[in-house]
Amino acid sequence: MKKLFLSLFLVGTLATTFTSCREESTGDKIEDAADDVGDSMEDAAEDVEDAVD
């Protein structure tokens, strides 16, 4: 009985360790970078438009 509880505890600890510490996926990082670039381009376009006026 003690071995069963110890085994379940160990499996639960390992599962928690490997699933809770994940970083953002590469796709999320690329999407965030693309959004930042798009926002920067919009800001630059507005600055140029203001300078022309």
Protein backbone atom coordinates (compact mmCIF):
# COMPACT_ATOMS: atom_id res chain seq x y z
CA MET A 1 0.00 0.00 0.00
CA LYS A 2 2.84 2.35 0.88
CA LYS A 3 4.55 1.59 -2.44
CA LEU A 4 1.34 2.38 -4.32
CA PHE A 5 0.97 5.81 -2.71
CA LEU A 6 4.66 6.55 -3.20
CA SER A 7 4.43 5.56 -6.87
CA LEU A 8 1.33 7.70 -7.43
CA PHE A 9 2.99 10.63 -5.70
CA LEU A 10 6.11 10.28 -7.84
CA VAL A 11 4.11 10.04 -11.08
CA GLY A 12 2.01 13.06 -10.09
CA THR A 13 5.08 15.10 -9.24
CA LEU A 14 6.78 14.26 -12.53
CA ALA A 15 3.63 15.01 -14.52
CA THR A 16 3.25 18.37 -12.80
CA THR A 17 6.89 19.25 -13.34
CA PHE A 18 6.90 18.51 -17.03
CA THR A 19 3.54 20.06 -17.89
CA SER A 20 3.48 23.22 -15.78
CA CYS A 21 6.79 24.77 -16.82
CA ARG A 22 6.22 25.05 -20.53
CA GLU A 23 7.09 28.25 -22.34
CA GLU A 24 5.12 29.77 -25.16
CA SER A 25 5.20 27.75 -28.33
CA THR A 26 7.28 28.94 -31.24
CA GLY A 27 4.12 29.81 -33.17
CA ASP A 28 2.98 32.11 -30.36
CA LYS A 29 6.36 33.83 -30.28
CA ILE A 30 6.31 34.37 -34.06
CA GLU A 31 2.76 35.71 -33.92
CA ASP A 32 3.67 38.16 -31.14
CA ALA A 33 6.73 39.36 -33.09
CA ALA A 34 4.65 39.85 -36.24
CA ASP A 35 2.08 41.85 -34.28
CA ASP A 36 4.84 44.05 -32.83
CA VAL A 37 6.30 44.68 -36.29
CA GLY A 38 2.85 45.50 -37.68
CA ASP A 39 2.21 47.98 -34.86
CA SER A 40 5.58 49.61 -35.42
CA MET A 41 4.91 49.96 -39.15
CA GLU A 42 1.54 51.58 -38.46
CA ASP A 43 3.15 54.04 -36.06
CA ALA A 44 5.85 54.88 -38.59
CA ALA A 45 3.25 55.39 -41.35
CA GLU A 46 1.31 57.76 -39.10
CA ASP A 47 4.48 59.71 -38.31
CA VAL A 48 5.27 60.07 -42.02
CA GLU A 49 1.70 61.15 -42.75
CA ASP A 50 1.90 63.77 -40.00
CA ALA A 51 5.22 65.02 -41.36
CA VAL A 52 3.77 65.37 -44.87
CA ASP A 53 0.85 67.42 -43.55
